[in-house]
Amino acid sequence: MYVRFSRTTPDGQYQETTAQFKTSPQILSNIDPVNTTNTVSKLLSSVEYFKLGGSWFILVFIFQ
């Protein structure tokens, strides 16, 4: 998954960056329901970690 971030620097310049986040593959079958909770949680944690690193970036959108 790719995430686009933006921010305004202290000197007023607008910046954008794109970051890529990955999770481990999961085996899917017709028998078991798909559980996306863990995958979504891991991705959101990665995004928050990126933002909390002092970057001050704001999530703009998510794309593949």
PDB file of N, CA and C in Angstrom:
ATOM      1  N   MET A   1       0.841  -1.152   0.000  1.00  0.00           N
ATOM      2  CA  MET A   1       0.000   0.000   0.000  1.00  0.00           C
ATOM      3  C   MET A   1       0.895   1.226   0.000  1.00  0.00           C
ATOM      4  N   TYR A   2       0.498   2.211  -0.750  1.00  0.00           N
ATOM      5  CA  TYR A   2       1.220   3.473  -0.783  1.00  0.00           C
ATOM      6  C   TYR A   2       0.381   4.540  -0.090  1.00  0.00           C
ATOM      7  N   VAL A   3       1.058   5.413   0.618  1.00  0.00           N
ATOM      8  CA  VAL A   3       0.373   6.487   1.333  1.00  0.00           C
ATOM      9  C   VAL A   3       1.018   7.810   0.947  1.00  0.00           C
ATOM     10  N   ARG A   4       0.205   8.766   0.561  1.00  0.00           N
ATOM     11  CA  ARG A   4       0.697  10.103   0.235  1.00  0.00           C
ATOM     12  C   ARG A   4       0.548  10.982   1.475  1.00  0.00           C
ATOM     13  N   PHE A   5       1.626  11.663   1.828  1.00  0.00           N
ATOM     14  CA  PHE A   5       1.652  12.576   2.963  1.00  0.00           C
ATOM     15  C   PHE A   5       1.991  13.974   2.470  1.00  0.00           C
ATOM     16  N   SER A   6       1.556  14.975   3.218  1.00  0.00           N
ATOM     17  CA  SER A   6       1.951  16.352   2.912  1.00  0.00           C
ATOM     18  C   SER A   6       2.213  17.092   4.213  1.00  0.00           C
ATOM     19  N   ARG A   7       2.912  18.223   4.086  1.00  0.00           N
ATOM     20  CA  ARG A   7       3.159  19.077   5.247  1.00  0.00           C
ATOM     21  C   ARG A   7       3.583  20.451   4.749  1.00  0.00           C
ATOM     22  N   THR A   8       3.485  21.413   5.653  1.00  0.00           N
ATOM     23  CA  THR A   8       4.014  22.747   5.410  1.00  0.00           C
ATOM     24  C   THR A   8       5.195  22.923   6.346  1.00  0.00           C
ATOM     25  N   THR A   9       6.336  23.278   5.800  1.00  0.00           N
ATOM     26  CA  THR A   9       7.550  23.442   6.598  1.00  0.00           C
ATOM     27  C   THR A   9       7.476  24.744   7.395  1.00  0.00           C
ATOM     28  N   PRO A  10       8.323  24.897   8.418  1.00  0.00           N
ATOM     29  CA  PRO A  10       8.318  26.129   9.212  1.00  0.00           C
ATOM     30  C   PRO A  10       8.532  27.405   8.374  1.00  0.00           C
ATOM     31  N   ASP A  11       9.225  27.266   7.236  1.00  0.00           N
ATOM     32  CA  ASP A  11       9.425  28.447   6.387  1.00  0.00           C
ATOM     33  C   ASP A  11       8.321  28.619   5.343  1.00  0.00           C
ATOM     34  N   GLY A  12       7.223  27.839   5.464  1.00  0.00           N
ATOM     35  CA  GLY A  12       6.043  28.015   4.626  1.00  0.00           C
ATOM     36  C   GLY A  12       6.022  27.236   3.328  1.00  0.00           C
ATOM     37  N   GLN A  13       6.993  26.379   3.079  1.00  0.00           N
ATOM     38  CA  GLN A  13       7.011  25.596   1.850  1.00  0.00           C
ATOM     39  C   GLN A  13       6.124  24.358   1.999  1.00  0.00           C
ATOM     40  N   TYR A  14       5.412  24.033   0.921  1.00  0.00           N
ATOM     41  CA  TYR A  14       4.555  22.849   0.880  1.00  0.00           C
ATOM     42  C   TYR A  14       5.376  21.673   0.374  1.00  0.00           C
ATOM     43  N   GLN A  15       5.296  20.527   1.055  1.00  0.00           N
ATOM     44  CA  GLN A  15       6.020  19.326   0.656  1.00  0.00           C
ATOM     45  C   GLN A  15       5.071  18.144   0.615  1.00  0.00           C
ATOM     46  N   GLU A  16       5.342  17.229  -0.313  1.00  0.00           N
ATOM     47  CA  GLU A  16       4.615  15.969  -0.382  1.00  0.00           C
ATOM     48  C   GLU A  16       5.619  14.834  -0.472  1.00  0.00           C
ATOM     49  N   THR A  17       5.235  13.692   0.063  1.00  0.00           N
ATOM     50  CA  THR A  17       6.049  12.491  -0.071  1.00  0.00           C
ATOM     51  C   THR A  17       5.124  11.289  -0.110  1.00  0.00           C
ATOM     52  N   THR A  18       5.612  10.216  -0.691  1.00  0.00           N
ATOM     53  CA  THR A  18       4.863   8.962  -0.737  1.00  0.00           C
ATOM     54  C   THR A  18       5.683   7.903  -0.024  1.00  0.00           C
ATOM     55  N   ALA A  19       5.021   7.151   0.831  1.00  0.00           N
ATOM     56  CA  ALA A  19       5.678   6.068   1.561  1.00  0.00           C
ATOM     57  C   ALA A  19       4.962   4.759   1.228  1.00  0.00           C
ATOM     58  N   GLN A  20       5.715   3.676   1.230  1.00  0.00           N
ATOM     59  CA  GLN A  20       5.145   2.362   0.965  1.00  0.00           C
ATOM     60  C   GLN A  20       5.165   1.546   2.248  1.00  0.00           C
ATOM     61  N   PHE A  21       4.037   0.919   2.558  1.00  0.00           N
ATOM     62  CA  PHE A  21       3.917   0.091   3.751  1.00  0.00           C
ATOM     63  C   PHE A  21       3.477  -1.311   3.335  1.00  0.00           C
ATOM     64  N   LYS A  22       4.057  -2.314   4.001  1.00  0.00           N
ATOM     65  CA  LYS A  22       3.767  -3.711   3.657  1.00  0.00           C
ATOM     66  C   LYS A  22       3.410  -4.493   4.912  1.00  0.00           C
ATOM     67  N   THR A  23       2.671  -5.573   4.714  1.00  0.00           N
ATOM     68  CA  THR A  23       2.411  -6.532   5.784  1.00  0.00           C
ATOM     69  C   THR A  23       2.744  -7.927   5.259  1.00  0.00           C
ATOM     70  N   SER A  24       2.750  -8.878   6.144  1.00  0.00           N
ATOM     71  CA  SER A  24       3.015 -10.264   5.751  1.00  0.00           C
ATOM     72  C   SER A  24       1.834 -10.812   4.965  1.00  0.00           C
ATOM     73  N   PRO A  25       2.096 -11.682   3.993  1.00  0.00           N
ATOM     74  CA  PRO A  25       0.996 -12.286   3.240  1.00  0.00           C
ATOM     75  C   PRO A  25       0.158 -13.186   4.142  1.00  0.00           C
ATOM     76  N   GLN A  26      -1.100 -13.332   3.788  1.00  0.00           N
ATOM     77  CA  GLN A  26      -1.999 -14.214   4.519  1.00  0.00           C
ATOM     78  C   GLN A  26      -2.578 -15.234   3.563  1.00  0.00           C
ATOM     79  N   ILE A  27      -2.769 -16.450   4.055  1.00  0.00           N
ATOM     80  CA  ILE A  27      -3.379 -17.509   3.258  1.00  0.00           C
ATOM     81  C   ILE A  27      -4.895 -17.386   3.392  1.00  0.00           C
ATOM     82  N   LEU A  28      -5.562 -17.313   2.266  1.00  0.00           N
ATOM     83  CA  LEU A  28      -7.019 -17.198   2.248  1.00  0.00           C
ATOM     84  C   LEU A  28      -7.611 -18.486   1.708  1.00  0.00           C
ATOM     85  N   SER A  29      -8.802 -18.831   2.213  1.00  0.00           N
ATOM     86  CA  SER A  29      -9.486 -20.022   1.719  1.00  0.00           C
ATOM     87  C   SER A  29     -10.982 -19.741   1.664  1.00  0.00           C
ATOM     88  N   ASN A  30     -11.699 -20.639   1.010  1.00  0.00           N
ATOM     89  CA  ASN A  30     -13.157 -20.511   0.926  1.00  0.00           C
ATOM     90  C   ASN A  30     -13.829 -20.867   2.248  1.00  0.00           C
ATOM     91  N   ILE A  31     -13.121 -21.565   3.105  1.00  0.00           N
ATOM     92  CA  ILE A  31     -13.719 -22.080   4.336  1.00  0.00           C
ATOM     93  C   ILE A  31     -13.733 -21.026   5.448  1.00  0.00           C
ATOM     94  N   ASP A  32     -12.611 -20.351   5.649  1.00  0.00           N
ATOM     95  CA  ASP A  32     -12.493 -19.400   6.741  1.00  0.00           C
ATOM     96  C   ASP A  32     -12.835 -17.982   6.279  1.00  0.00           C
ATOM     97  N   PRO A  33     -13.507 -17.224   7.138  1.00  0.00           N
ATOM     98  CA  PRO A  33     -13.773 -15.824   6.778  1.00  0.00           C
ATOM     99  C   PRO A  33     -12.466 -15.023   6.758  1.00  0.00           C
ATOM    100  N   VAL A  34     -12.427 -14.008   5.945  1.00  0.00           N
ATOM    101  CA  VAL A  34     -11.239 -13.165   5.839  1.00  0.00           C
ATOM    102  C   VAL A  34     -11.200 -12.238   7.049  1.00  0.00           C
ATOM    103  N   ASN A  35     -10.088 -12.247   7.767  1.00  0.00           N
ATOM    104  CA  ASN A  35      -9.917 -11.387   8.935  1.00  0.00           C
ATOM    105  C   ASN A  35      -8.903 -10.299   8.571  1.00  0.00           C
ATOM    106  N   THR A  36      -9.386  -9.119   8.348  1.00  0.00           N
ATOM    107  CA  THR A  36      -8.507  -8.011   7.955  1.00  0.00           C
ATOM    108  C   THR A  36      -8.087  -7.154   9.136  1.00  0.00           C
ATOM    109  N   THR A  37      -8.587  -7.451  10.313  1.00  0.00           N
ATOM    110  CA  THR A  37      -8.313  -6.624  11.487  1.00  0.00           C
ATOM    111  C   THR A  37      -6.821  -6.505  11.768  1.00  0.00           C
ATOM    112  N   ASN A  38      -6.107  -7.631  11.784  1.00  0.00           N
ATOM    113  CA  ASN A  38      -4.671  -7.598  12.076  1.00  0.00           C
ATOM    114  C   ASN A  38      -3.893  -6.848  10.999  1.00  0.00           C
ATOM    115  N   THR A  39      -4.239  -7.078   9.748  1.00  0.00           N
ATOM    116  CA  THR A  39      -3.543  -6.421   8.649  1.00  0.00           C
ATOM    117  C   THR A  39      -3.744  -4.914   8.709  1.00  0.00           C
ATOM    118  N   VAL A  40      -4.975  -4.490   8.878  1.00  0.00           N
ATOM    119  CA  VAL A  40      -5.276  -3.054   8.953  1.00  0.00           C
ATOM    120  C   VAL A  40      -4.590  -2.436  10.165  1.00  0.00           C
ATOM    121  N   SER A  41      -4.604  -3.128  11.289  1.00  0.00           N
ATOM    122  CA  SER A  41      -3.959  -2.625  12.500  1.00  0.00           C
ATOM    123  C   SER A  41      -2.459  -2.429  12.294  1.00  0.00           C
ATOM    124  N   LYS A  42      -1.804  -3.399  11.648  1.00  0.00           N
ATOM    125  CA  LYS A  42      -0.361  -3.292  11.394  1.00  0.00           C
ATOM    126  C   LYS A  42      -0.052  -2.129  10.457  1.00  0.00           C
ATOM    127  N   LEU A  43      -0.865  -1.968   9.425  1.00  0.00           N
ATOM    128  CA  LEU A  43      -0.645  -0.868   8.489  1.00  0.00           C
ATOM    129  C   LEU A  43      -0.846   0.492   9.162  1.00  0.00           C
ATOM    130  N   LEU A  44      -1.890   0.622   9.949  1.00  0.00           N
ATOM    131  CA  LEU A  44      -2.133   1.883  10.648  1.00  0.00           C
ATOM    132  C   LEU A  44      -1.029   2.188  11.655  1.00  0.00           C
ATOM    133  N   SER A  45      -0.516   1.159  12.311  1.00  0.00           N
ATOM    134  CA  SER A  45       0.599   1.353  13.243  1.00  0.00           C
ATOM    135  C   SER A  45       1.839   1.851  12.503  1.00  0.00           C
ATOM    136  N   SER A  46       2.085   1.301  11.325  1.00  0.00           N
ATOM    137  CA  SER A  46       3.237   1.737  10.523  1.00  0.00           C
ATOM    138  C   SER A  46       3.094   3.189  10.092  1.00  0.00           C
ATOM    139  N   VAL A  47       1.900   3.569   9.698  1.00  0.00           N
ATOM    140  CA  VAL A  47       1.644   4.957   9.300  1.00  0.00           C
ATOM    141  C   VAL A  47       1.847   5.896  10.487  1.00  0.00           C
ATOM    142  N   GLU A  48       1.335   5.529  11.645  1.00  0.00           N
ATOM    143  CA  GLU A  48       1.500   6.364  12.836  1.00  0.00           C
ATOM    144  C   GLU A  48       2.967   6.484  13.233  1.00  0.00           C
ATOM    145  N   TYR A  49       3.698   5.395  13.138  1.00  0.00           N
ATOM    146  CA  TYR A  49       5.131   5.419  13.452  1.00  0.00           C
ATOM    147  C   TYR A  49       5.869   6.377  12.522  1.00  0.00           C
ATOM    148  N   PHE A  50       5.511   6.350  11.250  1.00  0.00           N
ATOM    149  CA  PHE A  50       6.110   7.254  10.275  1.00  0.00           C
ATOM    150  C   PHE A  50       5.821   8.717  10.647  1.00  0.00           C
ATOM    151  N   LYS A  51       4.586   8.993  11.008  1.00  0.00           N
ATOM    152  CA  LYS A  51       4.194  10.366  11.343  1.00  0.00           C
ATOM    153  C   LYS A  51       4.820  10.834  12.653  1.00  0.00           C
ATOM    154  N   LEU A  52       4.963   9.936  13.618  1.00  0.00           N
ATOM    155  CA  LEU A  52       5.472  10.320  14.931  1.00  0.00           C
ATOM    156  C   LEU A  52       6.985  10.477  14.948  1.00  0.00           C
ATOM    157  N   GLY A  53       7.642  10.148  13.869  1.00  0.00           N
ATOM    158  CA  GLY A  53       9.095  10.275  13.798  1.00  0.00           C
ATOM    159  C   GLY A  53       9.553  11.722  13.690  1.00  0.00           C
ATOM    160  N   GLY A  54       8.677  12.661  13.973  1.00  0.00           N
ATOM    161  CA  GLY A  54       9.044  14.066  13.919  1.00  0.00           C
ATOM    162  C   GLY A  54       8.885  14.680  12.545  1.00  0.00           C
ATOM    163  N   SER A  55       8.209  13.978  11.644  1.00  0.00           N
ATOM    164  CA  SER A  55       8.098  14.467  10.267  1.00  0.00           C
ATOM    165  C   SER A  55       7.006  15.527  10.108  1.00  0.00           C
ATOM    166  N   TRP A  56       6.023  15.511  10.956  1.00  0.00           N
ATOM    167  CA  TRP A  56       4.877  16.428  10.898  1.00  0.00           C
ATOM    168  C   TRP A  56       4.075  16.278   9.602  1.00  0.00           C
ATOM    169  N   PHE A  57       4.212  15.142   8.933  1.00  0.00           N
ATOM    170  CA  PHE A  57       3.427  14.897   7.727  1.00  0.00           C
ATOM    171  C   PHE A  57       1.991  14.536   8.100  1.00  0.00           C
ATOM    172  N   ILE A  58       1.066  14.884   7.222  1.00  0.00           N
ATOM    173  CA  ILE A  58      -0.349  14.578   7.380  1.00  0.00           C
ATOM    174  C   ILE A  58      -0.733  13.615   6.257  1.00  0.00           C
ATOM    175  N   LEU A  59      -1.451  12.561   6.597  1.00  0.00           N
ATOM    176  CA  LEU A  59      -1.902  11.595   5.597  1.00  0.00           C
ATOM    177  C   LEU A  59      -2.895  12.280   4.656  1.00  0.00           C
ATOM    178  N   VAL A  60      -2.637  12.188   3.356  1.00  0.00           N
ATOM    179  CA  VAL A  60      -3.516  12.793   2.352  1.00  0.00           C
ATOM    180  C   VAL A  60      -4.428  11.749   1.746  1.00  0.00           C
ATOM    181  N   PHE A  61      -3.850  10.650   1.231  1.00  0.00           N
ATOM    182  CA  PHE A  61      -4.659   9.550   0.716  1.00  0.00           C
ATOM    183  C   PHE A  61      -3.847   8.268   0.633  1.00  0.00           C
ATOM    184  N   ILE A  62      -4.569   7.152   0.484  1.00  0.00           N
ATOM    185  CA  ILE A  62      -3.987   5.820   0.411  1.00  0.00           C
ATOM    186  C   ILE A  62      -4.325   5.246  -0.957  1.00  0.00           C
ATOM    187  N   PHE A  63      -3.340   4.593  -1.593  1.00  0.00           N
ATOM    188  CA  PHE A  63      -3.582   3.993  -2.889  1.00  0.00           C
ATOM    189  C   PHE A  63      -2.709   2.755  -3.055  1.00  0.00           C
ATOM    190  N   GLN A  64      -3.001   1.973  -4.092  1.00  0.00           N
ATOM    191  CA  GLN A  64      -2.230   0.745  -4.352  1.00  0.00           C
ATOM    192  C   GLN A  64      -1.250   0.963  -5.456  1.00  0.00           C
TER     193      GLN A  64
END
